[in-house]
Amino acid sequence: MINFKQRELSQMLFDKLKKRFPELELIDIIESPENSNSIWVNVIMPDDEDREMASELSADINMDYGYHFLVLSSPKNEKIVA
């Protein structure tokens, strides 16, 4: 189950990405089915965008707070189910 801080940080991660890529859409935020310490931020992101920024931001959160976040990009109308 995602705790309050994880939810807050995942929303902060998405907000920072949205500021850089306004066309991003949030699908959902879920706990990884493989590892309960990992949170998946599932977004719709155009294929040609720079994905390194998401990795850098999630690595910063990991270093600062100890939570692992993974930003997953899905095609429109597709939802990743845990």
Protein backbone atom coordinates (compact mmCIF):
# COMPACT_ATOMS: atom_id res chain seq x y z
CA MET A 1 0.00 0.00 0.00
CA ILE A 2 1.32 3.42 -0.96
CA ASN A 3 1.90 5.62 2.07
CA PHE A 4 1.26 9.36 2.29
CA LYS A 5 4.89 10.37 1.65
CA GLN A 6 5.20 8.06 -1.37
CA ARG A 7 1.99 9.52 -2.82
CA GLU A 8 3.25 13.06 -2.16
CA LEU A 9 6.64 12.38 -3.78
CA SER A 10 5.14 10.61 -6.78
CA GLN A 11 2.82 13.57 -7.39
CA MET A 12 5.81 15.94 -7.04
CA LEU A 13 7.72 13.83 -9.59
CA PHE A 14 4.81 13.95 -12.02
CA ASP A 15 4.34 17.72 -11.51
CA LYS A 16 8.01 18.37 -12.33
CA LEU A 17 7.76 16.22 -15.46
CA LYS A 18 4.50 17.92 -16.46
CA LYS A 19 6.16 21.32 -16.16
CA ARG A 20 8.82 20.20 -18.64
CA PHE A 21 6.44 18.20 -20.85
CA PRO A 22 2.95 19.82 -20.69
CA GLU A 23 1.44 17.14 -22.93
CA LEU A 24 2.03 14.44 -20.28
CA GLU A 25 -1.02 12.75 -18.82
CA LEU A 26 -1.07 10.87 -15.53
CA ILE A 27 -2.70 7.45 -15.79
CA ASP A 28 -2.15 6.24 -12.25
CA ILE A 29 0.29 5.72 -9.40
CA ILE A 30 0.60 2.14 -8.15
CA GLU A 31 2.81 -0.05 -6.02
CA SER A 32 4.98 -2.39 -8.07
CA PRO A 33 3.64 -5.96 -8.01
CA GLU A 34 7.24 -7.23 -7.88
CA ASN A 35 8.55 -5.00 -5.11
CA SER A 36 6.40 -3.16 -2.58
CA ASN A 37 9.22 -0.62 -2.08
CA SER A 38 8.93 0.53 -5.69
CA ILE A 39 6.24 2.90 -6.92
CA TRP A 40 5.20 3.08 -10.56
CA VAL A 41 4.13 6.44 -11.96
CA ASN A 42 2.29 5.51 -15.14
CA VAL A 43 2.01 8.33 -17.70
CA ILE A 44 1.20 8.90 -21.32
CA MET A 45 4.30 10.46 -22.87
CA PRO A 46 4.97 11.06 -26.57
CA ASP A 47 7.57 8.67 -27.98
CA ASP A 48 10.02 11.38 -28.98
CA GLU A 49 10.43 13.02 -25.57
CA ASP A 50 13.60 13.03 -23.50
CA ARG A 51 13.09 10.29 -20.89
CA GLU A 52 16.38 10.89 -19.09
CA MET A 53 14.82 13.69 -17.05
CA ALA A 54 12.38 11.23 -15.43
CA SER A 55 15.27 8.94 -14.48
CA GLU A 56 17.25 11.80 -12.98
CA LEU A 57 14.30 13.08 -10.93
CA SER A 58 13.41 9.62 -9.62
CA ALA A 59 17.08 9.00 -8.73
CA ASP A 60 17.11 12.28 -6.78
CA ILE A 61 14.03 11.17 -4.81
CA ASN A 62 15.69 7.82 -4.12
CA MET A 63 18.82 9.51 -2.80
CA ASP A 64 16.91 12.08 -0.70
CA TYR A 65 14.09 9.92 0.68
CA GLY A 66 15.01 6.27 0.02
CA TYR A 67 11.94 5.55 -2.13
CA HIS A 68 12.27 4.01 -5.58
CA PHE A 69 10.07 5.45 -8.33
CA LEU A 70 9.78 4.24 -11.90
CA VAL A 71 8.11 6.37 -14.56
CA LEU A 72 6.37 4.14 -17.08
CA SER A 73 5.20 5.47 -20.41
CA SER A 74 2.10 3.91 -21.93
CA PRO A 75 0.23 4.52 -25.15
CA LYS A 76 -3.03 6.43 -24.78
CA ASN A 77 -5.93 4.31 -23.47
CA GLU A 78 -3.64 1.66 -21.99
CA LYS A 79 -3.38 1.13 -18.26
CA ILE A 80 -0.73 -0.96 -16.50
CA VAL A 81 -2.38 -3.24 -14.00
CA ALA A 82 -0.52 -4.40 -10.89
